[in-house]
Amino acid sequence: MLSLDRQEALRARYRRETPGWRPATEVYDSLLRRYIGPQAVILDAGCGQAGIVARARGNARAVGIDITFEGFRDAVDLSDLVCGDLAALPFADGSFTLIASSWVFEHLTEPERVFAEFARVLRPGGVLVFLTPNVRSYAVLLSRLAPARLQKALVWRLYRRAEVFTFRTYYRANTPGRLDGMLRAAGFAGEALHCVGDPTYIAFNEPLYRLGTLYERLTDRPALQGLKVHIVGAYRRLATGA
């Protein structure tokens, strides 16, 4: 079984072999840092342990919201934490300048409602930055074929992630086109939308690593980039009436 340490080692190898490639978490982090300033007020939507936002925020204020903090509240490196539903955010209109959301969109049952709420609580000109799996990728296809019990066991075996961090997936917004359409309908304009590959999800041995890298080379072609494993984007909330 492929451990997280082994996966990170393979990513480092792939980076050496592929100049300019960065994993999706680094692309996401760089987008966050682009939009975080000293006056920023950040909402980490579906924050979990809030690792990337906690590292990136600097002196900006950051609030985390999740459906539960059972068993891990003390591990979250944010001072303000709220239990709540992303489809009915307990915040006033225009409360935030930046919303960050990673590994969340795939779990949304009503993404249109959530995106409308994001638009409501963002100030005009505020930005939503997100990272989510692409339902068209081989990694998601393989995971969806596995029974839920097996998926939870694999999450623990691969990432040592407890069941409290494992939620049901729906993938109702998880293609580049679907995301773009839903966010524009909610009042956003796109500033960045990246499909980011990663060959390590099937790299259980050397031949499979090479197969993964071949897949990445093929999907580097513009017409096939929509098959990459991750989607990372930044969308700006339009002013009312724009």
Protein backbone atom coordinates (compact mmCIF):
# COMPACT_ATOMS: atom_id res chain seq x y z
CA MET A 1 0.00 0.00 0.00
CA LEU A 2 1.25 3.50 -0.86
CA SER A 3 1.97 5.56 2.26
CA LEU A 4 1.74 9.35 2.36
CA ASP A 5 5.52 9.56 2.85
CA ARG A 6 6.06 7.41 -0.22
CA GLN A 7 3.60 9.52 -2.19
CA GLU A 8 5.44 12.70 -1.23
CA ALA A 9 8.75 11.14 -2.25
CA LEU A 10 7.28 10.26 -5.65
CA ARG A 11 5.97 13.81 -6.02
CA ALA A 12 9.46 15.12 -5.36
CA ARG A 13 10.78 12.75 -8.03
CA TYR A 14 8.11 13.82 -10.51
CA ARG A 15 8.94 17.48 -9.83
CA ARG A 16 12.58 16.79 -10.70
CA GLU A 17 11.51 15.02 -13.88
CA THR A 18 8.95 17.67 -14.87
CA PRO A 19 10.28 21.25 -14.68
CA GLY A 20 7.58 23.73 -13.71
CA TRP A 21 5.18 21.17 -12.21
CA ARG A 22 3.75 21.90 -8.77
CA PRO A 23 1.30 19.77 -6.76
CA ALA A 24 -2.23 21.11 -6.39
CA THR A 25 -1.71 22.10 -2.75
CA GLU A 26 1.14 24.42 -3.76
CA VAL A 27 -0.93 25.97 -6.55
CA TYR A 28 -3.75 26.53 -4.05
CA ASP A 29 -1.36 27.99 -1.46
CA SER A 30 0.14 30.40 -4.00
CA LEU A 31 -3.32 31.64 -4.98
CA LEU A 32 -4.23 32.19 -1.33
CA ARG A 33 -1.09 34.21 -0.72
CA ARG A 34 -1.83 36.34 -3.78
CA TYR A 35 -5.10 37.53 -2.24
CA ILE A 36 -4.18 37.74 1.46
CA GLY A 37 -3.27 41.20 2.71
CA PRO A 38 -3.03 42.73 6.19
CA GLN A 39 -6.67 43.86 6.04
CA ALA A 40 -8.00 40.51 4.84
CA VAL A 41 -10.81 38.76 6.69
CA ILE A 42 -10.73 35.10 5.71
CA LEU A 43 -13.33 32.36 5.97
CA ASP A 44 -11.95 28.82 5.74
CA ALA A 45 -15.09 27.05 4.54
CA GLY A 46 -15.10 23.40 5.55
CA CYS A 47 -11.86 24.05 7.39
CA GLY A 48 -11.07 20.67 8.92
CA GLN A 49 -7.68 21.21 10.55
CA ALA A 50 -7.15 24.37 8.45
CA GLY A 51 -3.48 23.66 7.75
CA ILE A 52 -2.92 25.62 4.54
CA VAL A 53 -4.94 28.67 5.57
CA ALA A 54 -3.26 28.76 8.99
CA ARG A 55 0.16 28.82 7.31
CA ALA A 56 -0.78 31.36 4.65
CA ARG A 57 -2.79 33.90 6.61
CA GLY A 58 0.06 35.94 8.13
CA ASN A 59 -1.47 38.64 10.33
CA ALA A 60 -4.88 38.50 8.67
CA ARG A 61 -7.90 37.38 10.67
CA ALA A 62 -9.20 33.92 9.74
CA VAL A 63 -12.43 32.21 10.80
CA GLY A 64 -12.96 28.48 10.33
CA ILE A 65 -16.33 26.83 9.81
CA ASP A 66 -17.09 23.12 9.60
CA ILE A 67 -20.03 20.82 10.22
CA THR A 68 -18.26 19.36 13.26
CA PHE A 69 -15.06 19.69 15.27
CA GLU A 70 -15.62 16.48 17.19
CA GLY A 71 -12.33 15.04 18.34
CA PHE A 72 -10.04 17.63 16.75
CA ARG A 73 -10.99 21.16 17.84
CA ASP A 74 -7.71 21.58 19.72
CA ALA A 75 -5.75 20.69 16.58
CA VAL A 76 -7.12 23.58 14.50
CA ASP A 77 -4.69 26.48 14.23
CA LEU A 78 -7.36 29.17 14.02
CA SER A 79 -8.69 31.11 16.99
CA ASP A 80 -12.25 31.58 15.70
CA LEU A 81 -14.16 28.38 14.95
CA VAL A 82 -17.84 27.99 14.14
CA CYS A 83 -19.91 24.84 13.68
CA GLY A 84 -22.33 25.41 10.83
CA ASP A 85 -23.75 24.51 7.45
CA LEU A 86 -22.11 25.99 4.35
CA ALA A 87 -25.54 26.18 2.71
CA ALA A 88 -26.76 28.50 5.51
CA LEU A 89 -23.74 30.43 6.74
CA PRO A 90 -24.21 32.12 10.14
CA PHE A 91 -22.53 35.36 9.04
CA ALA A 92 -23.78 38.78 7.94
CA ASP A 93 -23.66 39.90 4.31
CA GLY A 94 -20.22 41.10 3.22
CA SER A 95 -18.38 39.75 6.27
CA PHE A 96 -15.27 38.48 4.44
CA THR A 97 -12.75 39.55 1.83
CA LEU A 98 -11.57 36.01 1.05
CA ILE A 99 -13.09 32.53 1.25
CA ALA A 100 -10.75 29.54 1.10
CA SER A 101 -12.12 26.04 0.57
CA SER A 102 -10.06 22.89 0.00
CA TRP A 103 -11.28 19.30 -0.38
CA VAL A 104 -14.87 20.44 0.24
CA PHE A 105 -16.79 20.91 -3.02
CA GLU A 106 -16.86 17.17 -3.68
CA HIS A 107 -18.94 16.71 -0.50
CA LEU A 108 -21.64 19.31 -1.31
CA THR A 109 -25.17 18.04 -1.86
CA GLU A 110 -26.40 21.48 -2.98
CA PRO A 111 -23.39 23.32 -4.42
CA GLU A 112 -25.53 26.09 -5.97
CA ARG A 113 -26.87 27.05 -2.52
CA VAL A 114 -23.37 26.99 -1.03
CA PHE A 115 -21.95 29.18 -3.80
CA ALA A 116 -24.83 31.65 -3.37
CA GLU A 117 -23.99 31.81 0.35
CA PHE A 118 -20.32 32.39 -0.46
CA ALA A 119 -21.32 35.30 -2.68
CA ARG A 120 -23.57 36.71 0.04
CA VAL A 121 -20.95 36.74 2.80
CA LEU A 122 -18.14 38.01 0.55
CA ARG A 123 -17.73 41.74 0.07
CA PRO A 124 -18.04 42.94 -3.53
CA GLY A 125 -14.64 42.33 -5.06
CA GLY A 126 -13.89 39.57 -2.55
CA VAL A 127 -12.35 36.32 -3.76
CA LEU A 128 -13.11 32.61 -3.44
CA VAL A 129 -10.09 30.29 -3.73
CA PHE A 130 -10.69 26.55 -3.93
CA LEU A 131 -9.09 23.14 -4.43
CA THR A 132 -11.19 20.08 -5.26
CA PRO A 133 -10.91 16.74 -7.09
CA ASN A 134 -11.97 16.47 -10.72
CA VAL A 135 -14.67 13.84 -11.16
CA ARG A 136 -13.39 13.11 -14.68
CA SER A 137 -9.98 11.96 -13.44
CA TYR A 138 -8.88 8.35 -13.11
CA ALA A 139 -8.27 8.78 -9.35
CA VAL A 140 -11.88 9.75 -8.66
CA LEU A 141 -13.20 7.06 -10.99
CA LEU A 142 -11.24 4.39 -9.14
CA SER A 143 -12.28 5.69 -5.72
CA ARG A 144 -15.96 5.76 -6.70
CA LEU A 145 -15.77 2.11 -7.71
CA ALA A 146 -14.65 1.15 -4.20
CA PRO A 147 -17.27 0.47 -1.48
CA ALA A 148 -17.60 3.20 1.18
CA ARG A 149 -16.18 0.93 3.90
CA LEU A 150 -13.12 0.19 1.79
CA GLN A 151 -12.66 3.90 1.02
CA LYS A 152 -12.57 4.73 4.74
CA ALA A 153 -10.07 1.95 5.38
CA LEU A 154 -7.85 3.22 2.57
CA VAL A 155 -8.01 6.80 3.88
CA TRP A 156 -6.75 5.56 7.24
CA ARG A 157 -4.11 3.29 5.73
CA LEU A 158 -2.79 5.92 3.32
CA TYR A 159 -3.13 9.16 5.29
CA ARG A 160 -3.79 8.11 8.90
CA ARG A 161 -6.93 10.26 8.64
CA ALA A 162 -9.54 9.33 11.23
CA GLU A 163 -13.14 8.62 10.27
CA VAL A 164 -14.15 12.04 11.62
CA PHE A 165 -12.33 13.54 8.60
CA THR A 166 -13.99 11.19 6.11
CA PHE A 167 -17.26 12.38 4.57
CA ARG A 168 -19.49 11.10 1.80
CA THR A 169 -18.70 12.43 -1.68
CA TYR A 170 -21.20 13.53 -4.35
CA TYR A 171 -19.11 15.38 -6.99
CA ARG A 172 -22.08 17.53 -8.10
CA ALA A 173 -19.88 20.50 -9.04
CA ASN A 174 -16.63 18.73 -9.84
CA THR A 175 -15.71 19.42 -13.42
CA PRO A 176 -14.08 22.63 -14.65
CA GLY A 177 -17.12 23.49 -16.79
CA ARG A 178 -19.67 22.73 -14.08
CA LEU A 179 -17.77 24.75 -11.49
CA ASP A 180 -17.35 27.71 -13.81
CA GLY A 181 -21.04 27.73 -14.72
CA MET A 182 -22.28 27.44 -11.14
CA LEU A 183 -19.95 30.11 -9.81
CA ARG A 184 -20.82 32.56 -12.58
CA ALA A 185 -24.52 31.95 -11.91
CA ALA A 186 -23.87 32.78 -8.23
CA GLY A 187 -22.31 36.15 -9.13
CA PHE A 188 -18.61 35.37 -9.55
CA ALA A 189 -16.15 36.04 -12.35
CA GLY A 190 -13.25 33.71 -12.99
CA GLU A 191 -9.68 34.91 -12.37
CA ALA A 192 -7.86 31.54 -12.42
CA LEU A 193 -8.87 27.96 -13.12
CA HIS A 194 -6.17 25.29 -13.20
CA CYS A 195 -6.40 21.56 -13.83
CA VAL A 196 -3.45 20.07 -11.97
CA GLY A 197 -2.14 16.56 -12.51
CA ASP A 198 -0.46 14.16 -10.11
CA PRO A 199 0.89 10.74 -11.14
CA THR A 200 1.26 9.37 -7.62
CA TYR A 201 -2.26 8.14 -6.89
CA ILE A 202 -1.71 4.84 -8.67
CA ALA A 203 2.07 4.61 -8.20
CA PHE A 204 2.06 1.44 -6.08
CA ASN A 205 5.11 0.20 -7.97
CA GLU A 206 7.53 1.42 -10.63
CA PRO A 207 5.48 0.31 -13.68
CA LEU A 208 2.37 2.04 -12.27
CA TYR A 209 4.37 5.21 -11.55
CA ARG A 210 5.50 5.22 -15.17
CA LEU A 211 1.91 4.64 -16.29
CA GLY A 212 0.84 7.62 -14.16
CA THR A 213 3.50 9.83 -15.68
CA LEU A 214 2.43 8.74 -19.17
CA TYR A 215 -1.15 9.73 -18.30
CA GLU A 216 0.12 13.14 -17.19
CA ARG A 217 2.04 13.63 -20.42
CA LEU A 218 -1.07 12.78 -22.46
CA THR A 219 -3.32 15.07 -20.43
CA ASP A 220 -0.88 17.95 -20.75
CA ARG A 221 -2.42 18.44 -24.18
CA PRO A 222 -4.89 21.34 -24.03
CA ALA A 223 -7.82 19.24 -25.23
CA LEU A 224 -7.26 16.68 -22.42
CA GLN A 225 -6.37 18.88 -19.47
CA GLY A 226 -9.92 18.50 -18.16
CA LEU A 227 -8.96 14.94 -17.16
CA LYS A 228 -6.36 16.04 -14.61
CA VAL A 229 -6.94 14.92 -11.03
CA HIS A 230 -7.39 18.31 -9.29
CA ILE A 231 -9.12 21.61 -9.98
CA VAL A 232 -7.74 24.78 -8.37
CA GLY A 233 -9.33 28.16 -8.94
CA ALA A 234 -9.89 31.74 -7.87
CA TYR A 235 -13.16 33.57 -8.57
CA ARG A 236 -13.99 37.17 -7.70
CA ARG A 237 -17.37 38.20 -6.34
CA LEU A 238 -18.87 40.78 -8.68
CA ALA A 239 -20.41 44.01 -7.45
CA THR A 240 -24.19 43.92 -7.35
CA GLY A 241 -25.56 44.58 -10.79
CA ALA A 242 -22.21 43.98 -12.54
